Amino acid sequence: MGLKSDDEYEDDGRTIVNMNVDGMPWYRADRDGQPQTPAKPGQGMSDEEVRQYKWAAVRAGLIIVLIFGAVFAAFIAFCDFIWFQ
């Protein structure tokens, strides 16, 4: 069972993988296959949800800063009291 040569290949027009990716230089909205419809009212996040997401992001950042700060303080204490004695 060998490979077909180029002259035996027949294109049937089917798309195996759609390479029309949003953000790429060759992207065209009219080729998406789905009609372009504007967002409907009520589909976005409410102000309370936005506030909750922002607070969660700030908390995550603060936790990371606190962990790095604690590790740095422990390293300084180790150097001061044990290593440089």
N, C-alpha and C. Protein backbone atom coordinates (compact mmCIF):
# COMPACT_ATOMS: atom_id res chain seq x y z
N MET A 1 0.85 -1.17 0.00
CA MET A 1 0.00 0.00 0.00
C MET A 1 0.90 1.23 0.00
N GLY A 2 1.12 1.82 -1.10
CA GLY A 2 2.00 2.97 -1.23
C GLY A 2 1.23 4.28 -1.25
N LEU A 3 1.96 5.36 -1.26
CA LEU A 3 1.35 6.68 -1.32
C LEU A 3 0.90 6.98 -2.74
N LYS A 4 -0.18 7.74 -2.87
CA LYS A 4 -0.65 8.14 -4.19
C LYS A 4 0.25 9.23 -4.75
N SER A 5 0.46 9.22 -6.00
CA SER A 5 1.23 10.30 -6.61
C SER A 5 0.33 11.51 -6.80
N ASP A 6 0.93 12.68 -7.06
CA ASP A 6 0.17 13.92 -7.18
C ASP A 6 -0.84 13.89 -8.32
N ASP A 7 -0.56 13.20 -9.38
CA ASP A 7 -1.49 13.18 -10.49
C ASP A 7 -2.72 12.32 -10.21
N GLU A 8 -2.67 11.47 -9.20
CA GLU A 8 -3.83 10.65 -8.84
C GLU A 8 -4.72 11.34 -7.80
N TYR A 9 -4.24 12.44 -7.22
CA TYR A 9 -4.99 13.13 -6.17
C TYR A 9 -6.13 13.92 -6.77
N GLU A 10 -7.31 13.80 -6.15
CA GLU A 10 -8.47 14.54 -6.61
C GLU A 10 -9.06 15.31 -5.43
N ASP A 11 -9.13 16.64 -5.54
CA ASP A 11 -9.67 17.48 -4.48
C ASP A 11 -11.18 17.44 -4.51
N ASP A 12 -11.80 17.05 -3.39
CA ASP A 12 -13.26 16.99 -3.35
C ASP A 12 -13.85 18.24 -2.71
N GLY A 13 -13.03 19.21 -2.27
CA GLY A 13 -13.51 20.48 -1.77
C GLY A 13 -13.86 20.50 -0.29
N ARG A 14 -13.68 19.41 0.42
CA ARG A 14 -13.98 19.38 1.85
C ARG A 14 -12.88 20.08 2.64
N THR A 15 -13.26 20.73 3.72
CA THR A 15 -12.30 21.36 4.62
C THR A 15 -12.06 20.40 5.78
N ILE A 16 -10.82 19.96 5.93
CA ILE A 16 -10.49 19.07 7.03
C ILE A 16 -10.30 19.88 8.31
N VAL A 17 -9.51 20.96 8.24
CA VAL A 17 -9.28 21.82 9.38
C VAL A 17 -9.43 23.27 8.93
N ASN A 18 -10.27 24.02 9.62
CA ASN A 18 -10.46 25.42 9.30
C ASN A 18 -9.29 26.21 9.87
N MET A 19 -8.49 26.84 9.00
CA MET A 19 -7.32 27.60 9.43
C MET A 19 -7.63 29.09 9.57
N ASN A 20 -8.90 29.46 9.54
CA ASN A 20 -9.32 30.85 9.68
C ASN A 20 -9.42 31.16 11.18
N VAL A 21 -8.28 31.57 11.78
CA VAL A 21 -8.19 31.77 13.22
C VAL A 21 -8.22 33.27 13.52
N ASP A 22 -9.04 33.65 14.48
CA ASP A 22 -9.14 35.05 14.88
C ASP A 22 -7.79 35.55 15.38
N GLY A 23 -7.35 36.71 14.87
CA GLY A 23 -6.08 37.30 15.27
C GLY A 23 -4.96 37.05 14.28
N MET A 24 -5.13 36.14 13.36
CA MET A 24 -4.09 35.87 12.37
C MET A 24 -4.25 36.84 11.20
N PRO A 25 -3.16 37.11 10.46
CA PRO A 25 -3.23 38.10 9.38
C PRO A 25 -4.23 37.74 8.28
N TRP A 26 -4.45 36.47 8.06
CA TRP A 26 -5.34 36.06 6.97
C TRP A 26 -6.79 35.87 7.43
N TYR A 27 -7.09 36.23 8.68
CA TYR A 27 -8.44 36.03 9.22
C TYR A 27 -9.46 36.87 8.47
N ARG A 28 -10.57 36.24 8.11
CA ARG A 28 -11.69 36.95 7.48
C ARG A 28 -12.96 36.50 8.18
N ALA A 29 -13.71 37.47 8.71
CA ALA A 29 -14.91 37.16 9.48
C ALA A 29 -15.99 36.51 8.62
N ASP A 30 -16.01 36.83 7.34
CA ASP A 30 -17.06 36.27 6.48
C ASP A 30 -16.82 34.79 6.17
N ARG A 31 -15.66 34.26 6.52
CA ARG A 31 -15.37 32.85 6.27
C ARG A 31 -15.53 31.99 7.51
N ASP A 32 -16.05 32.54 8.57
CA ASP A 32 -16.15 31.80 9.82
C ASP A 32 -17.14 30.64 9.75
N GLY A 33 -18.11 30.72 8.90
CA GLY A 33 -19.11 29.68 8.85
C GLY A 33 -20.29 29.97 9.76
N GLN A 34 -20.13 30.91 10.65
CA GLN A 34 -21.21 31.31 11.53
C GLN A 34 -21.51 32.79 11.27
N PRO A 35 -22.76 33.16 11.27
CA PRO A 35 -23.07 34.57 11.03
C PRO A 35 -22.55 35.44 12.17
N GLN A 36 -22.09 36.62 11.83
CA GLN A 36 -21.57 37.56 12.82
C GLN A 36 -22.76 38.32 13.41
N THR A 37 -23.06 38.04 14.66
CA THR A 37 -24.17 38.71 15.33
C THR A 37 -23.62 39.49 16.51
N PRO A 38 -24.16 40.67 16.77
CA PRO A 38 -23.69 41.43 17.93
C PRO A 38 -24.12 40.76 19.23
N ALA A 39 -23.43 41.06 20.30
CA ALA A 39 -23.77 40.49 21.60
C ALA A 39 -25.15 40.97 22.03
N LYS A 40 -25.89 40.07 22.62
CA LYS A 40 -27.22 40.40 23.09
C LYS A 40 -27.13 41.03 24.47
N PRO A 41 -28.05 41.91 24.80
CA PRO A 41 -28.04 42.49 26.14
C PRO A 41 -28.22 41.41 27.19
N GLY A 42 -27.51 41.56 28.30
CA GLY A 42 -27.62 40.57 29.37
C GLY A 42 -26.59 39.47 29.28
N GLN A 43 -25.76 39.44 28.23
CA GLN A 43 -24.76 38.38 28.10
C GLN A 43 -23.46 38.74 28.80
N GLY A 44 -23.24 40.01 29.11
CA GLY A 44 -22.01 40.43 29.76
C GLY A 44 -22.09 40.20 31.27
N MET A 45 -20.99 40.51 31.94
CA MET A 45 -20.96 40.36 33.39
C MET A 45 -21.57 41.59 34.05
N SER A 46 -22.17 41.36 35.19
CA SER A 46 -22.73 42.48 35.95
C SER A 46 -21.58 43.18 36.68
N ASP A 47 -21.87 44.36 37.22
CA ASP A 47 -20.85 45.11 37.95
C ASP A 47 -20.35 44.33 39.16
N GLU A 48 -21.24 43.63 39.82
CA GLU A 48 -20.85 42.84 41.00
C GLU A 48 -19.90 41.70 40.59
N GLU A 49 -20.18 41.05 39.48
CA GLU A 49 -19.29 39.97 39.01
C GLU A 49 -17.92 40.52 38.63
N VAL A 50 -17.88 41.67 37.98
CA VAL A 50 -16.60 42.30 37.63
C VAL A 50 -15.82 42.62 38.89
N ARG A 51 -16.48 43.17 39.89
CA ARG A 51 -15.84 43.51 41.15
C ARG A 51 -15.29 42.25 41.83
N GLN A 52 -16.05 41.15 41.80
CA GLN A 52 -15.59 39.90 42.40
C GLN A 52 -14.36 39.35 41.68
N TYR A 53 -14.34 39.41 40.36
CA TYR A 53 -13.18 38.93 39.60
C TYR A 53 -11.95 39.78 39.88
N LYS A 54 -12.13 41.09 39.96
CA LYS A 54 -11.00 41.98 40.25
C LYS A 54 -10.45 41.70 41.64
N TRP A 55 -11.32 41.55 42.63
CA TRP A 55 -10.87 41.29 43.99
C TRP A 55 -10.16 39.94 44.07
N ALA A 56 -10.65 38.93 43.35
CA ALA A 56 -9.99 37.63 43.34
C ALA A 56 -8.60 37.73 42.72
N ALA A 57 -8.44 38.52 41.68
CA ALA A 57 -7.13 38.70 41.05
C ALA A 57 -6.18 39.43 42.00
N VAL A 58 -6.67 40.44 42.70
CA VAL A 58 -5.83 41.17 43.65
C VAL A 58 -5.40 40.26 44.79
N ARG A 59 -6.33 39.45 45.32
CA ARG A 59 -5.98 38.51 46.39
C ARG A 59 -4.93 37.51 45.93
N ALA A 60 -5.07 36.98 44.72
CA ALA A 60 -4.09 36.03 44.20
C ALA A 60 -2.72 36.68 44.10
N GLY A 61 -2.66 37.91 43.62
CA GLY A 61 -1.39 38.62 43.53
C GLY A 61 -0.79 38.87 44.90
N LEU A 62 -1.62 39.27 45.87
CA LEU A 62 -1.12 39.51 47.22
C LEU A 62 -0.58 38.24 47.87
N ILE A 63 -1.23 37.14 47.65
CA ILE A 63 -0.75 35.86 48.19
C ILE A 63 0.63 35.53 47.63
N ILE A 64 0.81 35.72 46.35
CA ILE A 64 2.11 35.45 45.73
C ILE A 64 3.17 36.38 46.29
N VAL A 65 2.84 37.67 46.43
CA VAL A 65 3.80 38.63 46.98
C VAL A 65 4.16 38.26 48.42
N LEU A 66 3.19 37.87 49.22
CA LEU A 66 3.45 37.48 50.61
C LEU A 66 4.34 36.24 50.68
N ILE A 67 4.10 35.27 49.82
CA ILE A 67 4.93 34.06 49.81
C ILE A 67 6.37 34.40 49.45
N PHE A 68 6.57 35.18 48.39
CA PHE A 68 7.93 35.56 48.00
C PHE A 68 8.58 36.40 49.09
N GLY A 69 7.84 37.29 49.71
CA GLY A 69 8.38 38.11 50.79
C GLY A 69 8.80 37.26 51.98
N ALA A 70 7.99 36.28 52.35
CA ALA A 70 8.32 35.41 53.48
C ALA A 70 9.57 34.58 53.18
N VAL A 71 9.67 34.07 51.95
CA VAL A 71 10.86 33.30 51.57
C VAL A 71 12.09 34.19 51.60
N PHE A 72 11.99 35.40 51.11
CA PHE A 72 13.12 36.33 51.12
C PHE A 72 13.52 36.68 52.55
N ALA A 73 12.54 36.94 53.42
CA ALA A 73 12.85 37.25 54.81
C ALA A 73 13.50 36.06 55.51
N ALA A 74 13.02 34.85 55.23
CA ALA A 74 13.63 33.66 55.81
C ALA A 74 15.07 33.49 55.32
N PHE A 75 15.33 33.78 54.07
CA PHE A 75 16.68 33.68 53.53
C PHE A 75 17.60 34.70 54.19
N ILE A 76 17.13 35.93 54.36
CA ILE A 76 17.93 36.96 55.02
C ILE A 76 18.22 36.56 56.47
N ALA A 77 17.21 36.05 57.17
CA ALA A 77 17.41 35.61 58.55
C ALA A 77 18.40 34.45 58.61
N PHE A 78 18.30 33.51 57.69
CA PHE A 78 19.24 32.38 57.63
C PHE A 78 20.65 32.89 57.42
N CYS A 79 20.82 33.83 56.47
CA CYS A 79 22.16 34.36 56.21
C CYS A 79 22.69 35.11 57.42
N ASP A 80 21.85 35.89 58.09
CA ASP A 80 22.29 36.72 59.19
C ASP A 80 22.64 35.90 60.43
N PHE A 81 21.82 34.96 60.79
CA PHE A 81 21.99 34.24 62.06
C PHE A 81 22.76 32.94 61.96
N ILE A 82 22.82 32.30 60.80
CA ILE A 82 23.47 30.98 60.71
C ILE A 82 24.68 31.02 59.77
N TRP A 83 24.51 31.46 58.57
CA TRP A 83 25.55 31.34 57.55
C TRP A 83 26.74 32.25 57.84
N PHE A 84 26.49 33.50 58.21
CA PHE A 84 27.56 34.49 58.38
C PHE A 84 28.05 34.58 59.83
N GLN A 85 27.82 33.60 60.66
CA GLN A 85 28.30 33.62 62.05
C GLN A 85 29.73 33.24 62.15
